[in-house]
PDB file of all heavy atoms in Angstrom:
ATOM      1  N   ILE A   1      -1.132 -16.463 -58.836  1.00  0.00           N
ATOM      2  CA  ILE A   1      -0.224 -17.147 -57.919  1.00  0.00           C
ATOM      3  C   ILE A   1       0.667 -16.110 -57.233  1.00  0.00           C
ATOM      4  O   ILE A   1       1.287 -15.280 -57.904  1.00  0.00           O
ATOM      5  CB  ILE A   1       0.652 -18.178 -58.667  1.00  0.00           C
ATOM      6  CG1 ILE A   1      -0.215 -19.324 -59.184  1.00  0.00           C
ATOM      7  CG2 ILE A   1       1.754 -18.722 -57.757  1.00  0.00           C
ATOM      8  CD1 ILE A   1       0.541 -20.317 -60.056  1.00  0.00           C
ATOM      9  N   PRO A   2       0.734 -16.104 -55.916  1.00  0.00           N
ATOM     10  CA  PRO A   2       1.585 -15.136 -55.217  1.00  0.00           C
ATOM     11  C   PRO A   2       3.030 -15.209 -55.720  1.00  0.00           C
ATOM     12  O   PRO A   2       3.596 -16.296 -55.845  1.00  0.00           O
ATOM     13  CB  PRO A   2       1.483 -15.572 -53.748  1.00  0.00           C
ATOM     14  CG  PRO A   2       0.149 -16.249 -53.659  1.00  0.00           C
ATOM     15  CD  PRO A   2      -0.017 -16.965 -54.968  1.00  0.00           C
ATOM     16  N   GLY A   3       3.588 -14.069 -56.025  1.00  0.00           N
ATOM     17  CA  GLY A   3       4.971 -14.013 -56.494  1.00  0.00           C
ATOM     18  C   GLY A   3       5.117 -13.949 -58.004  1.00  0.00           C
ATOM     19  O   GLY A   3       6.202 -13.637 -58.501  1.00  0.00           O
ATOM     20  N   THR A   4       4.042 -14.233 -58.720  1.00  0.00           N
ATOM     21  CA  THR A   4       4.126 -14.166 -60.177  1.00  0.00           C
ATOM     22  C   THR A   4       4.322 -12.726 -60.634  1.00  0.00           C
ATOM     23  O   THR A   4       3.567 -11.836 -60.268  1.00  0.00           O
ATOM     24  CB  THR A   4       2.857 -14.737 -60.836  1.00  0.00           C
ATOM     25  OG1 THR A   4       2.753 -16.140 -60.539  1.00  0.00           O
ATOM     26  CG2 THR A   4       2.905 -14.561 -62.349  1.00  0.00           C
ATOM     27  N   GLU A   5       5.341 -12.519 -61.445  1.00  0.00           N
ATOM     28  CA  GLU A   5       5.621 -11.186 -61.986  1.00  0.00           C
ATOM     29  C   GLU A   5       5.150 -11.049 -63.431  1.00  0.00           C
ATOM     30  O   GLU A   5       4.798  -9.945 -63.858  1.00  0.00           O
ATOM     31  CB  GLU A   5       7.131 -10.896 -61.923  1.00  0.00           C
ATOM     32  CG  GLU A   5       7.691 -10.815 -60.511  1.00  0.00           C
ATOM     33  CD  GLU A   5       9.182 -10.582 -60.496  1.00  0.00           C
ATOM     34  OE1 GLU A   5       9.776 -10.465 -61.603  1.00  0.00           O
ATOM     35  OE2 GLU A   5       9.765 -10.538 -59.399  1.00  0.00           O
ATOM     36  N   GLN A   6       5.143 -12.162 -64.156  1.00  0.00           N
ATOM     37  CA  GLN A   6       4.846 -12.061 -65.575  1.00  0.00           C
ATOM     38  C   GLN A   6       4.351 -13.396 -66.118  1.00  0.00           C
ATOM     39  O   GLN A   6       4.868 -14.454 -65.767  1.00  0.00           O
ATOM     40  CB  GLN A   6       6.113 -11.642 -66.331  1.00  0.00           C
ATOM     41  CG  GLN A   6       5.908 -11.290 -67.786  1.00  0.00           C
ATOM     42  CD  GLN A   6       7.220 -10.902 -68.449  1.00  0.00           C
ATOM     43  OE1 GLN A   6       7.931 -11.748 -68.966  1.00  0.00           O
ATOM     44  NE2 GLN A   6       7.548  -9.619 -68.410  1.00  0.00           N
ATOM     45  N   VAL A   7       3.318 -13.314 -66.960  1.00  0.00           N
ATOM     46  CA  VAL A   7       2.835 -14.483 -67.695  1.00  0.00           C
ATOM     47  C   VAL A   7       2.744 -14.091 -69.173  1.00  0.00           C
ATOM     48  O   VAL A   7       2.104 -13.095 -69.520  1.00  0.00           O
ATOM     49  CB  VAL A   7       1.458 -14.961 -67.203  1.00  0.00           C
ATOM     50  CG1 VAL A   7       0.978 -16.153 -68.032  1.00  0.00           C
ATOM     51  CG2 VAL A   7       1.515 -15.346 -65.726  1.00  0.00           C
ATOM     52  N   THR A   8       3.398 -14.862 -70.018  1.00  0.00           N
ATOM     53  CA  THR A   8       3.393 -14.592 -71.453  1.00  0.00           C
ATOM     54  C   THR A   8       2.943 -15.838 -72.201  1.00  0.00           C
ATOM     55  O   THR A   8       2.780 -16.913 -71.612  1.00  0.00           O
ATOM     56  CB  THR A   8       4.783 -14.149 -71.928  1.00  0.00           C
ATOM     57  OG1 THR A   8       5.736 -15.173 -71.617  1.00  0.00           O
ATOM     58  CG2 THR A   8       5.211 -12.862 -71.235  1.00  0.00           C
ATOM     59  N   LEU A   9       2.751 -15.705 -73.503  1.00  0.00           N
ATOM     60  CA  LEU A   9       2.190 -16.789 -74.312  1.00  0.00           C
ATOM     61  C   LEU A   9       2.933 -16.879 -75.629  1.00  0.00           C
ATOM     62  O   LEU A   9       3.246 -15.850 -76.245  1.00  0.00           O
ATOM     63  CB  LEU A   9       0.708 -16.509 -74.579  1.00  0.00           C
ATOM     64  CG  LEU A   9      -0.060 -17.494 -75.468  1.00  0.00           C
ATOM     65  CD1 LEU A   9      -0.528 -18.699 -74.647  1.00  0.00           C
ATOM     66  CD2 LEU A   9      -1.271 -16.808 -76.122  1.00  0.00           C
ATOM     67  N   THR A  10       3.214 -18.103 -76.079  1.00  0.00           N
ATOM     68  CA  THR A  10       3.742 -18.337 -77.422  1.00  0.00           C
ATOM     69  C   THR A  10       2.675 -19.045 -78.242  1.00  0.00           C
ATOM     70  O   THR A  10       2.101 -20.048 -77.790  1.00  0.00           O
ATOM     71  CB  THR A  10       5.019 -19.187 -77.386  1.00  0.00           C
ATOM     72  OG1 THR A  10       6.080 -18.415 -76.795  1.00  0.00           O
ATOM     73  CG2 THR A  10       5.451 -19.587 -78.782  1.00  0.00           C
ATOM     74  N   THR A  11       2.388 -18.537 -79.442  1.00  0.00           N
ATOM     75  CA  THR A  11       1.296 -19.059 -80.258  1.00  0.00           C
ATOM     76  C   THR A  11       1.635 -18.951 -81.741  1.00  0.00           C
ATOM     77  O   THR A  11       2.506 -18.161 -82.132  1.00  0.00           O
ATOM     78  CB  THR A  11      -0.002 -18.269 -79.972  1.00  0.00           C
ATOM     79  OG1 THR A  11      -1.026 -18.674 -80.883  1.00  0.00           O
ATOM     80  CG2 THR A  11       0.214 -16.773 -80.131  1.00  0.00           C
ATOM     81  N   ASN A  12       0.941 -19.743 -82.553  1.00  0.00           N
ATOM     82  CA  ASN A  12       1.091 -19.592 -84.006  1.00  0.00           C
ATOM     83  C   ASN A  12       0.159 -18.514 -84.556  1.00  0.00           C
ATOM     84  O   ASN A  12       0.183 -18.220 -85.753  1.00  0.00           O
ATOM     85  CB  ASN A  12       0.876 -20.922 -84.724  1.00  0.00           C
ATOM     86  CG  ASN A  12      -0.503 -21.525 -84.486  1.00  0.00           C
ATOM     87  OD1 ASN A  12      -1.499 -20.819 -84.306  1.00  0.00           O
ATOM     88  ND2 ASN A  12      -0.579 -22.853 -84.486  1.00  0.00           N
ATOM     89  N   GLY A  13      -0.671 -17.948 -83.703  1.00  0.00           N
ATOM     90  CA  GLY A  13      -1.512 -16.825 -84.093  1.00  0.00           C
ATOM     91  C   GLY A  13      -2.827 -17.164 -84.752  1.00  0.00           C
ATOM     92  O   GLY A  13      -3.661 -16.274 -84.959  1.00  0.00           O
ATOM     93  N   VAL A  14      -3.050 -18.438 -85.073  1.00  0.00           N
ATOM     94  CA  VAL A  14      -4.260 -18.816 -85.810  1.00  0.00           C
ATOM     95  C   VAL A  14      -5.528 -18.437 -85.047  1.00  0.00           C
ATOM     96  O   VAL A  14      -6.491 -17.924 -85.613  1.00  0.00           O
ATOM     97  CB  VAL A  14      -4.236 -20.324 -86.134  1.00  0.00           C
ATOM     98  CG1 VAL A  14      -5.576 -20.775 -86.717  1.00  0.00           C
ATOM     99  CG2 VAL A  14      -3.107 -20.640 -87.111  1.00  0.00           C
ATOM    100  N   GLU A  15      -5.561 -18.693 -83.740  1.00  0.00           N
ATOM    101  CA  GLU A  15      -6.739 -18.407 -82.922  1.00  0.00           C
ATOM    102  C   GLU A  15      -6.577 -17.144 -82.072  1.00  0.00           C
ATOM    103  O   GLU A  15      -7.413 -16.862 -81.219  1.00  0.00           O
ATOM    104  CB  GLU A  15      -7.012 -19.595 -81.988  1.00  0.00           C
ATOM    105  CG  GLU A  15      -7.362 -20.893 -82.702  1.00  0.00           C
ATOM    106  CD  GLU A  15      -8.708 -20.821 -83.415  1.00  0.00           C
ATOM    107  OE1 GLU A  15      -9.542 -19.970 -83.035  1.00  0.00           O
ATOM    108  OE2 GLU A  15      -8.921 -21.607 -84.356  1.00  0.00           O
ATOM    109  N   LEU A  16      -5.523 -16.385 -82.330  1.00  0.00           N
ATOM    110  CA  LEU A  16      -5.211 -15.269 -81.436  1.00  0.00           C
ATOM    111  C   LEU A  16      -6.246 -14.144 -81.509  1.00  0.00           C
ATOM    112  O   LEU A  16      -6.624 -13.576 -80.478  1.00  0.00           O
ATOM    113  CB  LEU A  16      -3.817 -14.727 -81.749  1.00  0.00           C
ATOM    114  CG  LEU A  16      -3.241 -13.722 -80.759  1.00  0.00           C
ATOM    115  CD1 LEU A  16      -3.231 -14.279 -79.345  1.00  0.00           C
ATOM    116  CD2 LEU A  16      -1.823 -13.330 -81.179  1.00  0.00           C
ATOM    117  N   GLU A  17      -6.712 -13.814 -82.710  1.00  0.00           N
ATOM    118  CA  GLU A  17      -7.711 -12.752 -82.819  1.00  0.00           C
ATOM    119  C   GLU A  17      -8.961 -13.113 -82.019  1.00  0.00           C
ATOM    120  O   GLU A  17      -9.542 -12.261 -81.326  1.00  0.00           O
ATOM    121  CB  GLU A  17      -8.079 -12.513 -84.275  1.00  0.00           C
ATOM    122  CG  GLU A  17      -9.068 -11.370 -84.485  1.00  0.00           C
ATOM    123  CD  GLU A  17      -9.390 -11.110 -85.941  1.00  0.00           C
ATOM    124  OE1 GLU A  17      -9.242 -12.048 -86.768  1.00  0.00           O
ATOM    125  OE2 GLU A  17      -9.785  -9.980 -86.268  1.00  0.00           O
ATOM    126  N   ARG A  18      -9.332 -14.377 -82.061  1.00  0.00           N
ATOM    127  CA  ARG A  18     -10.531 -14.835 -81.342  1.00  0.00           C
ATOM    128  C   ARG A  18     -10.382 -14.698 -79.837  1.00  0.00           C
ATOM    129  O   ARG A  18     -11.353 -14.345 -79.137  1.00  0.00           O
ATOM    130  CB  ARG A  18     -10.792 -16.298 -81.719  1.00  0.00           C
ATOM    131  CG  ARG A  18     -11.902 -16.977 -80.958  1.00  0.00           C
ATOM    132  CD  ARG A  18     -11.966 -18.438 -81.352  1.00  0.00           C
ATOM    133  NE  ARG A  18     -12.941 -19.191 -80.578  1.00  0.00           N
ATOM    134  CZ  ARG A  18     -13.092 -20.510 -80.626  1.00  0.00           C
ATOM    135  NH1 ARG A  18     -12.312 -21.232 -81.431  1.00  0.00           N
ATOM    136  NH2 ARG A  18     -13.989 -21.121 -79.885  1.00  0.00           N
ATOM    137  N   TYR A  19      -9.192 -14.945 -79.316  1.00  0.00           N
ATOM    138  CA  TYR A  19      -9.006 -14.987 -77.866  1.00  0.00           C
ATOM    139  C   TYR A  19      -8.286 -13.765 -77.296  1.00  0.00           C
ATOM    140  O   TYR A  19      -8.081 -13.704 -76.073  1.00  0.00           O
ATOM    141  CB  TYR A  19      -8.209 -16.244 -77.481  1.00  0.00           C
ATOM    142  CG  TYR A  19      -9.004 -17.524 -77.606  1.00  0.00           C
ATOM    143  CD1 TYR A  19      -8.701 -18.452 -78.601  1.00  0.00           C
ATOM    144  CD2 TYR A  19     -10.056 -17.800 -76.733  1.00  0.00           C
ATOM    145  CE1 TYR A  19      -9.436 -19.634 -78.722  1.00  0.00           C
ATOM    146  CE2 TYR A  19     -10.781 -18.972 -76.841  1.00  0.00           C
ATOM    147  CZ  TYR A  19     -10.472 -19.884 -77.843  1.00  0.00           C
ATOM    148  OH  TYR A  19     -11.193 -21.045 -77.963  1.00  0.00           O
ATOM    149  N   MET A  20      -7.917 -12.800 -78.119  1.00  0.00           N
ATOM    150  CA  MET A  20      -7.082 -11.707 -77.642  1.00  0.00           C
ATOM    151  C   MET A  20      -7.719 -10.935 -76.493  1.00  0.00           C
ATOM    152  O   MET A  20      -7.063 -10.640 -75.483  1.00  0.00           O
ATOM    153  CB  MET A  20      -6.774 -10.758 -78.800  1.00  0.00           C
ATOM    154  CG  MET A  20      -5.611  -9.822 -78.527  1.00  0.00           C
ATOM    155  SD  MET A  20      -4.025 -10.681 -78.448  1.00  0.00           S
ATOM    156  CE  MET A  20      -3.578 -10.426 -76.744  1.00  0.00           C
ATOM    157  N   ASP A  21      -8.997 -10.599 -76.611  1.00  0.00           N
ATOM    158  CA  ASP A  21      -9.659  -9.844 -75.537  1.00  0.00           C
ATOM    159  C   ASP A  21      -9.662 -10.625 -74.231  1.00  0.00           C
ATOM    160  O   ASP A  21      -9.440 -10.056 -73.149  1.00  0.00           O
ATOM    161  CB  ASP A  21     -11.091  -9.486 -75.941  1.00  0.00           C
ATOM    162  CG  ASP A  21     -11.143  -8.419 -77.036  1.00  0.00           C
ATOM    163  OD1 ASP A  21     -10.117  -7.766 -77.275  1.00  0.00           O
ATOM    164  OD2 ASP A  21     -12.222  -8.254 -77.637  1.00  0.00           O
ATOM    165  N   ASP A  22      -9.916 -11.928 -74.319  1.00  0.00           N
ATOM    166  CA  ASP A  22      -9.936 -12.766 -73.119  1.00  0.00           C
ATOM    167  C   ASP A  22      -8.553 -12.838 -72.478  1.00  0.00           C
ATOM    168  O   ASP A  22      -8.422 -12.834 -71.244  1.00  0.00           O
ATOM    169  CB  ASP A  22     -10.422 -14.174 -73.452  1.00  0.00           C
ATOM    170  CG  ASP A  22     -11.883 -14.211 -73.864  1.00  0.00           C
ATOM    171  OD1 ASP A  22     -12.633 -13.285 -73.492  1.00  0.00           O
ATOM    172  OD2 ASP A  22     -12.276 -15.171 -74.567  1.00  0.00           O
ATOM    173  N   LEU A  23      -7.517 -12.917 -73.304  1.00  0.00           N
ATOM    174  CA  LEU A  23      -6.156 -13.001 -72.787  1.00  0.00           C
ATOM    175  C   LEU A  23      -5.748 -11.701 -72.100  1.00  0.00           C
ATOM    176  O   LEU A  23      -5.115 -11.711 -71.038  1.00  0.00           O
ATOM    177  CB  LEU A  23      -5.185 -13.339 -73.921  1.00  0.00           C
ATOM    178  CG  LEU A  23      -5.299 -14.760 -74.481  1.00  0.00           C
ATOM    179  CD1 LEU A  23      -4.553 -14.875 -75.809  1.00  0.00           C
ATOM    180  CD2 LEU A  23      -4.755 -15.786 -73.485  1.00  0.00           C
ATOM    181  N   VAL A  24      -6.116 -10.585 -72.705  1.00  0.00           N
ATOM    182  CA  VAL A  24      -5.813  -9.295 -72.082  1.00  0.00           C
ATOM    183  C   VAL A  24      -6.555  -9.167 -70.759  1.00  0.00           C
ATOM    184  O   VAL A  24      -5.989  -8.724 -69.749  1.00  0.00           O
ATOM    185  CB  VAL A  24      -6.181  -8.139 -73.035  1.00  0.00           C
ATOM    186  CG1 VAL A  24      -6.094  -6.795 -72.311  1.00  0.00           C
ATOM    187  CG2 VAL A  24      -5.266  -8.150 -74.255  1.00  0.00           C
ATOM    188  N   ALA A  25      -7.819  -9.572 -70.734  1.00  0.00           N
ATOM    189  CA  ALA A  25      -8.599  -9.510 -69.499  1.00  0.00           C
ATOM    190  C   ALA A  25      -8.010 -10.414 -68.413  1.00  0.00           C
ATOM    191  O   ALA A  25      -8.111 -10.113 -67.221  1.00  0.00           O
ATOM    192  CB  ALA A  25     -10.052  -9.908 -69.774  1.00  0.00           C
ATOM    193  N   ALA A  26      -7.390 -11.506 -68.850  1.00  0.00           N
ATOM    194  CA  ALA A  26      -6.771 -12.436 -67.894  1.00  0.00           C
ATOM    195  C   ALA A  26      -5.469 -11.886 -67.320  1.00  0.00           C
ATOM    196  O   ALA A  26      -4.945 -12.429 -66.347  1.00  0.00           O
ATOM    197  CB  ALA A  26      -6.516 -13.785 -68.564  1.00  0.00           C
ATOM    198  N   GLY A  27      -4.937 -10.841 -67.952  1.00  0.00           N
ATOM    199  CA  GLY A  27      -3.710 -10.229 -67.441  1.00  0.00           C
ATOM    200  C   GLY A  27      -2.452 -10.609 -68.196  1.00  0.00           C
ATOM    201  O   GLY A  27      -1.339 -10.361 -67.718  1.00  0.00           O
ATOM    202  N   LEU A  28      -2.594 -11.215 -69.394  1.00  0.00           N
ATOM    203  CA  LEU A  28      -1.418 -11.601 -70.162  1.00  0.00           C
ATOM    204  C   LEU A  28      -0.502 -10.395 -70.365  1.00  0.00           C
ATOM    205  O   LEU A  28      -0.949  -9.309 -70.712  1.00  0.00           O
ATOM    206  CB  LEU A  28      -1.843 -12.165 -71.521  1.00  0.00           C
ATOM    207  CG  LEU A  28      -0.723 -12.784 -72.367  1.00  0.00           C
ATOM    208  CD1 LEU A  28      -0.262 -14.106 -71.763  1.00  0.00           C
ATOM    209  CD2 LEU A  28      -1.188 -13.001 -73.816  1.00  0.00           C
ATOM    210  N   ASP A  29       0.800 -10.611 -70.160  1.00  0.00           N
ATOM    211  CA  ASP A  29       1.765  -9.510 -70.237  1.00  0.00           C
ATOM    212  C   ASP A  29       2.377  -9.332 -71.620  1.00  0.00           C
ATOM    213  O   ASP A  29       2.747  -8.214 -71.994  1.00  0.00           O
ATOM    214  CB  ASP A  29       2.890  -9.734 -69.222  1.00  0.00           C
ATOM    215  CG  ASP A  29       2.380  -9.640 -67.795  1.00  0.00           C
ATOM    216  OD1 ASP A  29       2.024  -8.535 -67.366  1.00  0.00           O
ATOM    217  OD2 ASP A  29       2.320 -10.692 -67.116  1.00  0.00           O
ATOM    218  N   ALA A  30       2.513 -10.410 -72.376  1.00  0.00           N
ATOM    219  CA  ALA A  30       3.140 -10.314 -73.692  1.00  0.00           C
ATOM    220  C   ALA A  30       2.815 -11.572 -74.489  1.00  0.00           C
ATOM    221  O   ALA A  30       2.464 -12.609 -73.922  1.00  0.00           O
ATOM    222  CB  ALA A  30       4.656 -10.139 -73.574  1.00  0.00           C
ATOM    223  N   VAL A  31       2.955 -11.455 -75.808  1.00  0.00           N
ATOM    224  CA  VAL A  31       2.689 -12.601 -76.675  1.00  0.00           C
ATOM    225  C   VAL A  31       3.792 -12.722 -77.714  1.00  0.00           C
ATOM    226  O   VAL A  31       4.256 -11.718 -78.267  1.00  0.00           O
ATOM    227  CB  VAL A  31       1.296 -12.479 -77.348  1.00  0.00           C
ATOM    228  CG1 VAL A  31       1.212 -11.243 -78.227  1.00  0.00           C
ATOM    229  CG2 VAL A  31       0.961 -13.728 -78.148  1.00  0.00           C
ATOM    230  N   ASN A  32       4.236 -13.955 -77.958  1.00  0.00           N
ATOM    231  CA  ASN A  32       5.182 -14.277 -79.027  1.00  0.00           C
ATOM    232  C   ASN A  32       4.431 -15.043 -80.105  1.00  0.00           C
ATOM    233  O   ASN A  32       3.744 -16.035 -79.790  1.00  0.00           O
ATOM    234  CB  ASN A  32       6.331 -15.140 -78.514  1.00  0.00           C
ATOM    235  CG  ASN A  32       7.231 -14.418 -77.541  1.00  0.00           C
ATOM    236  OD1 ASN A  32       6.971 -13.268 -77.182  1.00  0.00           O
ATOM    237  ND2 ASN A  32       8.280 -15.083 -77.103  1.00  0.00           N
ATOM    238  N   ILE A  33       4.556 -14.619 -81.340  1.00  0.00           N
ATOM    239  CA  ILE A  33       3.824 -15.242 -82.441  1.00  0.00           C
ATOM    240  C   ILE A  33       4.817 -15.804 -83.447  1.00  0.00           C
ATOM    241  O   ILE A  33       5.702 -15.090 -83.924  1.00  0.00           O
ATOM    242  CB  ILE A  33       2.899 -14.214 -83.126  1.00  0.00           C
ATOM    243  CG1 ILE A  33       1.955 -13.592 -82.095  1.00  0.00           C
ATOM    244  CG2 ILE A  33       2.102 -14.873 -84.251  1.00  0.00           C
ATOM    245  CD1 ILE A  33       1.311 -12.306 -82.533  1.00  0.00           C
ATOM    246  N   SER A  34       4.678 -17.080 -83.764  1.00  0.00           N
ATOM    247  CA  SER A  34       5.572 -17.727 -84.718  1.00  0.00           C
ATOM    248  C   SER A  34       5.124 -17.407 -86.146  1.00  0.00           C
ATOM    249  O   SER A  34       3.962 -17.608 -86.496  1.00  0.00           O
ATOM    250  CB  SER A  34       5.565 -19.246 -84.506  1.00  0.00           C
ATOM    251  OG  SER A  34       6.024 -19.564 -83.206  1.00  0.00           O
TER     252      SER A  34
END
């Protein structure tokens, strides 16, 4: 989206290992894990 500076994600981490590569490829800037 034009103007977007940052996209981050909050997760419990259960599925994070499975999706981490995809999220990085998507351009995720940071992750918060509970």
